[in-house]
């Protein structure tokens, strides 16, 4: 996801984090030092993580993929896929992390 300017806005950039269907569990502001991150071992769980980088750059290690999130970008991690998150630059990375329950659609 990338920053966008909503219609009829000036000098305004937004980063849409999630839609109305997901339920927020909690959220955190993380300060990750160079070489920092975790967990050390990839892990899984029932909820998803929505990560948005405010400063720096984060690297998401997934089971078979690496995703780099730059300043002003966000990424939704499927909690069922083994994962961990690491600082990907030589400066501190500041990141918003929101834990969300998976959407269960009724038929």
PDB file of N, CA and C in Angstrom:
ATOM      1  N   UNK A   1       0.838  -1.182   0.000  1.00  0.00           N
ATOM      2  CA  UNK A   1       0.000   0.000   0.000  1.00  0.00           C
ATOM      3  C   UNK A   1       0.878   1.240   0.000  1.00  0.00           C
ATOM      4  N   UNK A   2       0.411   2.264  -0.622  1.00  0.00           N
ATOM      5  CA  UNK A   2       1.159   3.513  -0.744  1.00  0.00           C
ATOM      6  C   UNK A   2       0.333   4.660  -0.175  1.00  0.00           C
ATOM      7  N   UNK A   3       1.040   5.768   0.112  1.00  0.00           N
ATOM      8  CA  UNK A   3       0.385   6.984   0.560  1.00  0.00           C
ATOM      9  C   UNK A   3      -0.504   7.516  -0.568  1.00  0.00           C
ATOM     10  N   UNK A   4      -1.627   8.168  -0.187  1.00  0.00           N
ATOM     11  CA  UNK A   4      -2.505   8.771  -1.172  1.00  0.00           C
ATOM     12  C   UNK A   4      -3.081  10.066  -0.611  1.00  0.00           C
ATOM     13  N   UNK A   5      -3.536  10.913  -1.508  1.00  0.00           N
ATOM     14  CA  UNK A   5      -4.211  12.147  -1.113  1.00  0.00           C
ATOM     15  C   UNK A   5      -5.694  11.970  -1.420  1.00  0.00           C
ATOM     16  N   UNK A   6      -6.554  12.038  -0.394  1.00  0.00           N
ATOM     17  CA  UNK A   6      -7.993  11.884  -0.643  1.00  0.00           C
ATOM     18  C   UNK A   6      -8.522  13.022  -1.521  1.00  0.00           C
ATOM     19  N   UNK A   7      -9.615  12.794  -2.224  1.00  0.00           N
ATOM     20  CA  UNK A   7     -10.206  13.852  -3.044  1.00  0.00           C
ATOM     21  C   UNK A   7     -10.493  15.100  -2.201  1.00  0.00           C
ATOM     22  N   UNK A   8     -10.289  16.255  -2.803  1.00  0.00           N
ATOM     23  CA  UNK A   8     -10.575  17.550  -2.180  1.00  0.00           C
ATOM     24  C   UNK A   8      -9.715  17.838  -0.956  1.00  0.00           C
ATOM     25  N   UNK A   9      -8.513  17.279  -0.875  1.00  0.00           N
ATOM     26  CA  UNK A   9      -7.561  17.544   0.201  1.00  0.00           C
ATOM     27  C   UNK A   9      -6.321  18.213  -0.392  1.00  0.00           C
ATOM     28  N   UNK A  10      -5.682  19.055   0.391  1.00  0.00           N
ATOM     29  CA  UNK A  10      -4.459  19.734  -0.031  1.00  0.00           C
ATOM     30  C   UNK A  10      -3.408  19.549   1.049  1.00  0.00           C
ATOM     31  N   UNK A  11      -2.171  19.229   0.648  1.00  0.00           N
ATOM     32  CA  UNK A  11      -1.106  19.046   1.629  1.00  0.00           C
ATOM     33  C   UNK A  11      -1.416  17.955   2.629  1.00  0.00           C
ATOM     34  N   UNK A  12      -2.063  16.894   2.176  1.00  0.00           N
ATOM     35  CA  UNK A  12      -2.574  15.836   3.052  1.00  0.00           C
ATOM     36  C   UNK A  12      -2.228  14.504   2.414  1.00  0.00           C
ATOM     37  N   UNK A  13      -1.505  13.666   3.149  1.00  0.00           N
ATOM     38  CA  UNK A  13      -1.224  12.309   2.685  1.00  0.00           C
ATOM     39  C   UNK A  13      -1.742  11.331   3.725  1.00  0.00           C
ATOM     40  N   UNK A  14      -2.321  10.245   3.266  1.00  0.00           N
ATOM     41  CA  UNK A  14      -2.880   9.237   4.160  1.00  0.00           C
ATOM     42  C   UNK A  14      -2.379   7.861   3.747  1.00  0.00           C
ATOM     43  N   UNK A  15      -2.353   6.953   4.698  1.00  0.00           N
ATOM     44  CA  UNK A  15      -2.013   5.562   4.451  1.00  0.00           C
ATOM     45  C   UNK A  15      -3.156   4.728   4.997  1.00  0.00           C
ATOM     46  N   UNK A  16      -3.956   4.161   4.110  1.00  0.00           N
ATOM     47  CA  UNK A  16      -5.077   3.339   4.555  1.00  0.00           C
ATOM     48  C   UNK A  16      -4.531   2.055   5.139  1.00  0.00           C
ATOM     49  N   UNK A  17      -4.871   1.795   6.382  1.00  0.00           N
ATOM     50  CA  UNK A  17      -4.325   0.640   7.070  1.00  0.00           C
ATOM     51  C   UNK A  17      -5.195  -0.600   6.920  1.00  0.00           C
ATOM     52  N   UNK A  18      -6.504  -0.447   6.955  1.00  0.00           N
ATOM     53  CA  UNK A  18      -7.383  -1.602   6.831  1.00  0.00           C
ATOM     54  C   UNK A  18      -8.794  -1.138   6.523  1.00  0.00           C
ATOM     55  N   UNK A  19      -9.610  -2.060   6.045  1.00  0.00           N
ATOM     56  CA  UNK A  19     -10.996  -1.764   5.723  1.00  0.00           C
ATOM     57  C   UNK A  19     -11.912  -2.002   6.908  1.00  0.00           C
ATOM     58  N   UNK A  20     -13.171  -1.821   6.685  1.00  0.00           N
ATOM     59  CA  UNK A  20     -14.140  -1.874   7.761  1.00  0.00           C
ATOM     60  C   UNK A  20     -14.475  -3.288   8.233  1.00  0.00           C
ATOM     61  N   UNK A  21     -14.036  -4.325   7.540  1.00  0.00           N
ATOM     62  CA  UNK A  21     -14.407  -5.693   7.887  1.00  0.00           C
ATOM     63  C   UNK A  21     -13.553  -6.312   8.979  1.00  0.00           C
ATOM     64  N   UNK A  22     -12.389  -5.753   9.229  1.00  0.00           N
ATOM     65  CA  UNK A  22     -11.470  -6.388  10.165  1.00  0.00           C
ATOM     66  C   UNK A  22     -11.657  -5.842  11.573  1.00  0.00           C
ATOM     67  N   UNK A  23     -11.405  -6.657  12.542  1.00  0.00           N
ATOM     68  CA  UNK A  23     -11.567  -6.268  13.935  1.00  0.00           C
ATOM     69  C   UNK A  23     -10.189  -6.087  14.568  1.00  0.00           C
ATOM     70  N   UNK A  24      -9.975  -4.912  15.130  1.00  0.00           N
ATOM     71  CA  UNK A  24      -8.698  -4.613  15.765  1.00  0.00           C
ATOM     72  C   UNK A  24      -8.615  -5.296  17.119  1.00  0.00           C
ATOM     73  N   UNK A  25      -7.505  -5.995  17.359  1.00  0.00           N
ATOM     74  CA  UNK A  25      -7.231  -6.591  18.665  1.00  0.00           C
ATOM     75  C   UNK A  25      -6.484  -5.570  19.517  1.00  0.00           C
ATOM     76  N   UNK A  26      -5.387  -5.057  18.977  1.00  0.00           N
ATOM     77  CA  UNK A  26      -4.591  -4.036  19.651  1.00  0.00           C
ATOM     78  C   UNK A  26      -3.620  -3.429  18.661  1.00  0.00           C
ATOM     79  N   UNK A  27      -2.919  -2.397  19.088  1.00  0.00           N
ATOM     80  CA  UNK A  27      -1.954  -1.745  18.219  1.00  0.00           C
ATOM     81  C   UNK A  27      -0.792  -1.215  19.029  1.00  0.00           C
ATOM     82  N   UNK A  28       0.358  -1.110  18.396  1.00  0.00           N
ATOM     83  CA  UNK A  28       1.571  -0.653  19.070  1.00  0.00           C
ATOM     84  C   UNK A  28       2.390   0.214  18.132  1.00  0.00           C
ATOM     85  N   UNK A  29       3.183   1.078  18.729  1.00  0.00           N
ATOM     86  CA  UNK A  29       4.177   1.846  18.004  1.00  0.00           C
ATOM     87  C   UNK A  29       5.520   1.238  18.385  1.00  0.00           C
ATOM     88  N   UNK A  30       6.252   0.715  17.412  1.00  0.00           N
ATOM     89  CA  UNK A  30       7.509   0.020  17.681  1.00  0.00           C
ATOM     90  C   UNK A  30       8.692   0.856  17.224  1.00  0.00           C
ATOM     91  N   UNK A  31       9.733   0.894  18.048  1.00  0.00           N
ATOM     92  CA  UNK A  31      11.001   1.533  17.725  1.00  0.00           C
ATOM     93  C   UNK A  31      12.027   0.417  17.614  1.00  0.00           C
ATOM     94  N   UNK A  32      12.458   0.110  16.393  1.00  0.00           N
ATOM     95  CA  UNK A  32      13.330  -1.037  16.160  1.00  0.00           C
ATOM     96  C   UNK A  32      14.729  -0.526  15.815  1.00  0.00           C
ATOM     97  N   UNK A  33      15.694  -0.881  16.637  1.00  0.00           N
ATOM     98  CA  UNK A  33      17.074  -0.426  16.449  1.00  0.00           C
ATOM     99  C   UNK A  33      17.751  -1.194  15.310  1.00  0.00           C
ATOM    100  N   UNK A  34      18.829  -0.665  14.731  1.00  0.00           N
ATOM    101  CA  UNK A  34      19.564  -1.388  13.696  1.00  0.00           C
ATOM    102  C   UNK A  34      19.947  -2.789  14.187  1.00  0.00           C
ATOM    103  N   UNK A  35      19.671  -3.790  13.378  1.00  0.00           N
ATOM    104  CA  UNK A  35      19.941  -5.176  13.760  1.00  0.00           C
ATOM    105  C   UNK A  35      18.858  -5.778  14.632  1.00  0.00           C
ATOM    106  N   UNK A  36      17.865  -4.976  15.006  1.00  0.00           N
ATOM    107  CA  UNK A  36      16.803  -5.450  15.900  1.00  0.00           C
ATOM    108  C   UNK A  36      15.615  -6.006  15.144  1.00  0.00           C
ATOM    109  N   UNK A  37      14.794  -6.736  15.866  1.00  0.00           N
ATOM    110  CA  UNK A  37      13.571  -7.309  15.309  1.00  0.00           C
ATOM    111  C   UNK A  37      13.203  -8.574  16.035  1.00  0.00           C
ATOM    112  N   UNK A  38      12.314  -9.343  15.430  1.00  0.00           N
ATOM    113  CA  UNK A  38      11.957 -10.615  16.032  1.00  0.00           C
ATOM    114  C   UNK A  38      10.558 -11.069  15.646  1.00  0.00           C
ATOM    115  N   UNK A  39      10.153 -12.172  16.218  1.00  0.00           N
ATOM    116  CA  UNK A  39      10.971 -13.000  17.081  1.00  0.00           C
ATOM    117  C   UNK A  39      12.097 -13.680  16.304  1.00  0.00           C
ATOM    118  N   UNK A  40      13.076 -14.183  17.045  1.00  0.00           N
ATOM    119  CA  UNK A  40      14.250 -14.807  16.426  1.00  0.00           C
ATOM    120  C   UNK A  40      13.838 -15.986  15.554  1.00  0.00           C
ATOM    121  N   UNK A  41      12.920 -16.784  16.032  1.00  0.00           N
ATOM    122  CA  UNK A  41      12.374 -17.898  15.243  1.00  0.00           C
ATOM    123  C   UNK A  41      11.069 -17.440  14.609  1.00  0.00           C
ATOM    124  N   UNK A  42      10.842 -17.785  13.339  1.00  0.00           N
ATOM    125  CA  UNK A  42       9.567 -17.471  12.703  1.00  0.00           C
ATOM    126  C   UNK A  42       8.438 -18.082  13.524  1.00  0.00           C
ATOM    127  N   UNK A  43       7.310 -17.386  13.594  1.00  0.00           N
ATOM    128  CA  UNK A  43       6.190 -17.881  14.388  1.00  0.00           C
ATOM    129  C   UNK A  43       4.885 -17.724  13.607  1.00  0.00           C
ATOM    130  N   UNK A  44       3.829 -18.380  14.077  1.00  0.00           N
ATOM    131  CA  UNK A  44       2.497 -18.278  13.483  1.00  0.00           C
ATOM    132  C   UNK A  44       1.477 -18.083  14.599  1.00  0.00           C
ATOM    133  N   UNK A  45       0.290 -17.633  14.226  1.00  0.00           N
ATOM    134  CA  UNK A  45      -0.831 -17.473  15.165  1.00  0.00           C
ATOM    135  C   UNK A  45      -2.104 -17.228  14.373  1.00  0.00           C
ATOM    136  N   UNK A  46      -3.233 -17.159  15.054  1.00  0.00           N
ATOM    137  CA  UNK A  46      -4.535 -17.051  14.394  1.00  0.00           C
ATOM    138  C   UNK A  46      -4.832 -15.652  13.858  1.00  0.00           C
ATOM    139  N   UNK A  47      -4.233 -14.613  14.411  1.00  0.00           N
ATOM    140  CA  UNK A  47      -4.519 -13.241  13.961  1.00  0.00           C
ATOM    141  C   UNK A  47      -3.468 -12.756  12.959  1.00  0.00           C
ATOM    142  N   UNK A  48      -3.794 -11.673  12.274  1.00  0.00           N
ATOM    143  CA  UNK A  48      -2.889 -11.061  11.303  1.00  0.00           C
ATOM    144  C   UNK A  48      -2.214  -9.838  11.920  1.00  0.00           C
ATOM    145  N   UNK A  49      -1.109  -9.406  11.303  1.00  0.00           N
ATOM    146  CA  UNK A  49      -0.418  -8.168  11.687  1.00  0.00           C
ATOM    147  C   UNK A  49      -0.534  -7.194  10.519  1.00  0.00           C
ATOM    148  N   UNK A  50      -0.893  -5.972  10.821  1.00  0.00           N
ATOM    149  CA  UNK A  50      -0.818  -4.906   9.837  1.00  0.00           C
ATOM    150  C   UNK A  50       0.321  -4.000  10.264  1.00  0.00           C
ATOM    151  N   UNK A  51       1.382  -3.940   9.457  1.00  0.00           N
ATOM    152  CA  UNK A  51       2.556  -3.126   9.764  1.00  0.00           C
ATOM    153  C   UNK A  51       2.577  -1.917   8.839  1.00  0.00           C
ATOM    154  N   UNK A  52       2.828  -0.735   9.395  1.00  0.00           N
ATOM    155  CA  UNK A  52       2.983   0.501   8.620  1.00  0.00           C
ATOM    156  C   UNK A  52       4.246   1.189   9.096  1.00  0.00           C
ATOM    157  N   UNK A  53       5.162   1.464   8.186  1.00  0.00           N
ATOM    158  CA  UNK A  53       6.441   2.077   8.537  1.00  0.00           C
ATOM    159  C   UNK A  53       6.304   3.596   8.499  1.00  0.00           C
ATOM    160  N   UNK A  54       6.672   4.230   9.619  1.00  0.00           N
ATOM    161  CA  UNK A  54       6.629   5.681   9.758  1.00  0.00           C
ATOM    162  C   UNK A  54       7.995   6.283   9.437  1.00  0.00           C
ATOM    163  N   UNK A  55       9.062   5.630   9.879  1.00  0.00           N
ATOM    164  CA  UNK A  55      10.439   6.048   9.608  1.00  0.00           C
ATOM    165  C   UNK A  55      11.282   4.803   9.377  1.00  0.00           C
ATOM    166  N   UNK A  56      12.252   4.897   8.503  1.00  0.00           N
ATOM    167  CA  UNK A  56      13.162   3.781   8.262  1.00  0.00           C
ATOM    168  C   UNK A  56      12.604   2.786   7.268  1.00  0.00           C
ATOM    169  N   UNK A  57      12.920   1.512   7.511  1.00  0.00           N
ATOM    170  CA  UNK A  57      12.550   0.444   6.588  1.00  0.00           C
ATOM    171  C   UNK A  57      12.493  -0.860   7.363  1.00  0.00           C
ATOM    172  N   UNK A  58      11.454  -1.646   7.148  1.00  0.00           N
ATOM    173  CA  UNK A  58      11.303  -2.935   7.829  1.00  0.00           C
ATOM    174  C   UNK A  58      11.364  -4.072   6.819  1.00  0.00           C
ATOM    175  N   UNK A  59      11.909  -5.197   7.269  1.00  0.00           N
ATOM    176  CA  UNK A  59      11.988  -6.407   6.441  1.00  0.00           C
ATOM    177  C   UNK A  59      11.139  -7.467   7.119  1.00  0.00           C
ATOM    178  N   UNK A  60      10.152  -7.983   6.393  1.00  0.00           N
ATOM    179  CA  UNK A  60       9.290  -9.044   6.903  1.00  0.00           C
ATOM    180  C   UNK A  60       9.778 -10.358   6.318  1.00  0.00           C
ATOM    181  N   UNK A  61      10.209 -11.256   7.179  1.00  0.00           N
ATOM    182  CA  UNK A  61      10.595 -12.597   6.745  1.00  0.00           C
ATOM    183  C   UNK A  61       9.356 -13.474   6.800  1.00  0.00           C
ATOM    184  N   UNK A  62       8.979 -14.001   5.653  1.00  0.00           N
ATOM    185  CA  UNK A  62       7.857 -14.925   5.567  1.00  0.00           C
ATOM    186  C   UNK A  62       8.411 -16.301   5.237  1.00  0.00           C
ATOM    187  N   UNK A  63       7.601 -17.307   5.342  1.00  0.00           N
ATOM    188  CA  UNK A  63       8.036 -18.687   5.125  1.00  0.00           C
ATOM    189  C   UNK A  63       8.911 -18.833   3.889  1.00  0.00           C
ATOM    190  N   UNK A  64       8.464 -18.315   2.739  1.00  0.00           N
ATOM    191  CA  UNK A  64       9.203 -18.481   1.482  1.00  0.00           C
ATOM    192  C   UNK A  64       9.401 -17.162   0.757  1.00  0.00           C
ATOM    193  N   UNK A  65       9.324 -16.050   1.484  1.00  0.00           N
ATOM    194  CA  UNK A  65       9.375 -14.740   0.843  1.00  0.00           C
ATOM    195  C   UNK A  65       9.925 -13.704   1.824  1.00  0.00           C
ATOM    196  N   UNK A  66      10.538 -12.668   1.281  1.00  0.00           N
ATOM    197  CA  UNK A  66      10.979 -11.521   2.068  1.00  0.00           C
ATOM    198  C   UNK A  66      10.297 -10.293   1.480  1.00  0.00           C
ATOM    199  N   UNK A  67       9.658  -9.501   2.352  1.00  0.00           N
ATOM    200  CA  UNK A  67       8.974  -8.284   1.920  1.00  0.00           C
ATOM    201  C   UNK A  67       9.615  -7.110   2.641  1.00  0.00           C
ATOM    202  N   UNK A  68      10.014  -6.088   1.895  1.00  0.00           N
ATOM    203  CA  UNK A  68      10.581  -4.879   2.483  1.00  0.00           C
ATOM    204  C   UNK A  68       9.511  -3.796   2.451  1.00  0.00           C
ATOM    205  N   UNK A  69       9.272  -3.185   3.612  1.00  0.00           N
ATOM    206  CA  UNK A  69       8.292  -2.107   3.740  1.00  0.00           C
ATOM    207  C   UNK A  69       9.066  -0.819   3.981  1.00  0.00           C
ATOM    208  N   UNK A  70       8.890   0.141   3.097  1.00  0.00           N
ATOM    209  CA  UNK A  70       9.586   1.420   3.216  1.00  0.00           C
ATOM    210  C   UNK A  70       8.696   2.444   3.909  1.00  0.00           C
ATOM    211  N   UNK A  71       9.303   3.555   4.292  1.00  0.00           N
ATOM    212  CA  UNK A  71       8.565   4.649   4.914  1.00  0.00           C
ATOM    213  C   UNK A  71       7.355   5.004   4.053  1.00  0.00           C
ATOM    214  N   UNK A  72       6.192   5.104   4.695  1.00  0.00           N
ATOM    215  CA  UNK A  72       4.969   5.447   3.977  1.00  0.00           C
ATOM    216  C   UNK A  72       4.264   4.269   3.353  1.00  0.00           C
ATOM    217  N   UNK A  73       4.735   3.052   3.622  1.00  0.00           N
ATOM    218  CA  UNK A  73       4.101   1.850   3.087  1.00  0.00           C
ATOM    219  C   UNK A  73       3.584   0.989   4.235  1.00  0.00           C
ATOM    220  N   UNK A  74       2.642   0.106   3.906  1.00  0.00           N
ATOM    221  CA  UNK A  74       2.127  -0.840   4.894  1.00  0.00           C
ATOM    222  C   UNK A  74       2.023  -2.220   4.252  1.00  0.00           C
ATOM    223  N   UNK A  75       1.882  -3.228   5.107  1.00  0.00           N
ATOM    224  CA  UNK A  75       1.793  -4.610   4.625  1.00  0.00           C
ATOM    225  C   UNK A  75       1.011  -5.419   5.640  1.00  0.00           C
ATOM    226  N   UNK A  76       0.079  -6.245   5.157  1.00  0.00           N
ATOM    227  CA  UNK A  76      -0.712  -7.121   6.022  1.00  0.00           C
ATOM    228  C   UNK A  76      -0.095  -8.510   6.003  1.00  0.00           C
ATOM    229  N   UNK A  77       0.334  -8.977   7.175  1.00  0.00           N
ATOM    230  CA  UNK A  77       0.952 -10.298   7.312  1.00  0.00           C
ATOM    231  C   UNK A  77      -0.126 -11.293   7.740  1.00  0.00           C
ATOM    232  N   UNK A  78      -0.286 -12.343   6.955  1.00  0.00           N
ATOM    233  CA  UNK A  78      -1.189 -13.438   7.312  1.00  0.00           C
ATOM    234  C   UNK A  78      -0.539 -14.200   8.459  1.00  0.00           C
ATOM    235  N   UNK A  79      -1.165 -14.192   9.621  1.00  0.00           N
ATOM    236  CA  UNK A  79      -0.596 -14.815  10.812  1.00  0.00           C
ATOM    237  C   UNK A  79      -0.375 -16.311  10.703  1.00  0.00           C
ATOM    238  N   UNK A  80      -1.020 -16.950   9.729  1.00  0.00           N
ATOM    239  CA  UNK A  80      -0.847 -18.401   9.552  1.00  0.00           C
ATOM    240  C   UNK A  80       0.451 -18.742   8.848  1.00  0.00           C
ATOM    241  N   UNK A  81       1.081 -17.741   8.209  1.00  0.00           N
ATOM    242  CA  UNK A  81       2.356 -17.948   7.517  1.00  0.00           C
ATOM    243  C   UNK A  81       3.492 -17.661   8.501  1.00  0.00           C
ATOM    244  N   UNK A  82       4.467 -18.557   8.654  1.00  0.00           N
ATOM    245  CA  UNK A  82       5.591 -18.283   9.559  1.00  0.00           C
ATOM    246  C   UNK A  82       6.243 -16.947   9.200  1.00  0.00           C
ATOM    247  N   UNK A  83       6.495 -16.108  10.222  1.00  0.00           N
ATOM    248  CA  UNK A  83       6.986 -14.755   9.956  1.00  0.00           C
ATOM    249  C   UNK A  83       7.740 -14.168  11.140  1.00  0.00           C
ATOM    250  N   UNK A  84       8.522 -13.131  10.826  1.00  0.00           N
ATOM    251  CA  UNK A  84       9.156 -12.263  11.823  1.00  0.00           C
ATOM    252  C   UNK A  84       9.436 -10.935  11.141  1.00  0.00           C
ATOM    253  N   UNK A  85       9.735  -9.881  11.931  1.00  0.00           N
ATOM    254  CA  UNK A  85       9.961  -8.545  11.373  1.00  0.00           C
ATOM    255  C   UNK A  85      11.266  -7.974  11.906  1.00  0.00           C
ATOM    256  N   UNK A  86      12.040  -7.330  11.013  1.00  0.00           N
ATOM    257  CA  UNK A  86      13.375  -6.837  11.345  1.00  0.00           C
ATOM    258  C   UNK A  86      13.605  -5.447  10.772  1.00  0.00           C
ATOM    259  N   UNK A  87      14.434  -4.665  11.446  1.00  0.00           N
ATOM    260  CA  UNK A  87      14.868  -3.392  10.905  1.00  0.00           C
ATOM    261  C   UNK A  87      15.715  -3.689   9.667  1.00  0.00           C
ATOM    262  N   UNK A  88      15.497  -2.939   8.585  1.00  0.00           N
ATOM    263  CA  UNK A  88      16.213  -3.187   7.339  1.00  0.00           C
ATOM    264  C   UNK A  88      17.109  -2.009   6.949  1.00  0.00           C
ATOM    265  N   UNK A  89      17.497  -1.174   7.919  1.00  0.00           N
ATOM    266  CA  UNK A  89      18.361  -0.039   7.599  1.00  0.00           C
ATOM    267  C   UNK A  89      19.325   0.231   8.757  1.00  0.00           C
ATOM    268  N   UNK A  90      20.203   1.190   8.561  1.00  0.00           N
ATOM    269  CA  UNK A  90      21.237   1.499   9.559  1.00  0.00           C
ATOM    270  C   UNK A  90      20.766   2.485  10.627  1.00  0.00           C
ATOM    271  N   UNK A  91      19.540   2.962  10.515  1.00  0.00           N
ATOM    272  CA  UNK A  91      18.958   3.857  11.512  1.00  0.00           C
ATOM    273  C   UNK A  91      17.781   3.167  12.186  1.00  0.00           C
ATOM    274  N   UNK A  92      17.283   3.769  13.243  1.00  0.00           N
ATOM    275  CA  UNK A  92      16.095   3.255  13.918  1.00  0.00           C
ATOM    276  C   UNK A  92      14.914   3.244  12.941  1.00  0.00           C
ATOM    277  N   UNK A  93      14.114   2.192  12.987  1.00  0.00           N
ATOM    278  CA  UNK A  93      12.874   2.118  12.227  1.00  0.00           C
ATOM    279  C   UNK A  93      11.716   2.295  13.198  1.00  0.00           C
ATOM    280  N   UNK A  94      10.763   3.130  12.813  1.00  0.00           N
ATOM    281  CA  UNK A  94       9.552   3.342  13.618  1.00  0.00           C
ATOM    282  C   UNK A  94       8.399   2.759  12.815  1.00  0.00           C
ATOM    283  N   UNK A  95       7.635   1.887  13.472  1.00  0.00           N
ATOM    284  CA  UNK A  95       6.598   1.152  12.770  1.00  0.00           C
ATOM    285  C   UNK A  95       5.350   1.035  13.640  1.00  0.00           C
ATOM    286  N   UNK A  96       4.202   1.173  13.019  1.00  0.00           N
ATOM    287  CA  UNK A  96       2.931   0.909  13.686  1.00  0.00           C
ATOM    288  C   UNK A  96       2.582  -0.551  13.417  1.00  0.00           C
ATOM    289  N   UNK A  97       2.218  -1.279  14.466  1.00  0.00           N
ATOM    290  CA  UNK A  97       1.787  -2.665  14.322  1.00  0.00           C
ATOM    291  C   UNK A  97       0.391  -2.820  14.895  1.00  0.00           C
ATOM    292  N   UNK A  98      -0.530  -3.293  14.082  1.00  0.00           N
ATOM    293  CA  UNK A  98      -1.910  -3.497  14.520  1.00  0.00           C
ATOM    294  C   UNK A  98      -2.238  -4.971  14.335  1.00  0.00           C
ATOM    295  N   UNK A  99      -2.696  -5.601  15.406  1.00  0.00           N
ATOM    296  CA  UNK A  99      -3.128  -6.997  15.345  1.00  0.00           C
ATOM    297  C   UNK A  99      -4.623  -7.028  15.064  1.00  0.00           C
ATOM    298  N   UNK A 100      -4.990  -7.785  14.028  1.00  0.00           N
ATOM    299  CA  UNK A 100      -6.396  -7.842  13.610  1.00  0.00           C
ATOM    300  C   UNK A 100      -6.860  -9.285  13.500  1.00  0.00           C
ATOM    301  N   UNK A 101      -8.092  -9.517  13.940  1.00  0.00           N
ATOM    302  CA  UNK A 101      -8.704 -10.827  13.749  1.00  0.00           C
ATOM    303  C   UNK A 101      -9.009 -11.008  12.270  1.00  0.00           C
ATOM    304  N   UNK A 102      -8.938 -12.230  11.818  1.00  0.00           N
ATOM    305  CA  UNK A 102      -9.289 -12.526  10.434  1.00  0.00           C
ATOM    306  C   UNK A 102     -10.789 -12.295  10.240  1.00  0.00           C
ATOM    307  N   UNK A 103     -11.139 -11.847   9.053  1.00  0.00           N
ATOM    308  CA  UNK A 103     -12.550 -11.656   8.734  1.00  0.00           C
ATOM    309  C   UNK A 103     -13.195 -13.012   8.508  1.00  0.00           C
ATOM    310  N   UNK A 104     -14.309 -13.233   9.139  1.00  0.00           N
ATOM    311  CA  UNK A 104     -15.068 -14.457   8.907  1.00  0.00           C
ATOM    312  C   UNK A 104     -16.373 -14.024   8.261  1.00  0.00           C
ATOM    313  N   UNK A 105     -16.528 -14.404   7.002  1.00  0.00           N
ATOM    314  CA  UNK A 105     -17.727 -13.997   6.269  1.00  0.00           C
ATOM    315  C   UNK A 105     -18.778 -15.078   6.390  1.00  0.00           C
ATOM    316  N   UNK A 106     -19.976 -14.671   6.778  1.00  0.00           N
ATOM    317  CA  UNK A 106     -21.070 -15.631   6.872  1.00  0.00           C
ATOM    318  C   UNK A 106     -21.716 -15.773   5.495  1.00  0.00           C
ATOM    319  N   UNK A 107     -22.253 -16.949   5.248  1.00  0.00           N
ATOM    320  CA  UNK A 107     -22.879 -17.178   3.934  1.00  0.00           C
ATOM    321  C   UNK A 107     -24.375 -17.096   4.042  1.00  0.00           C
TER     322      UNK A 107
END
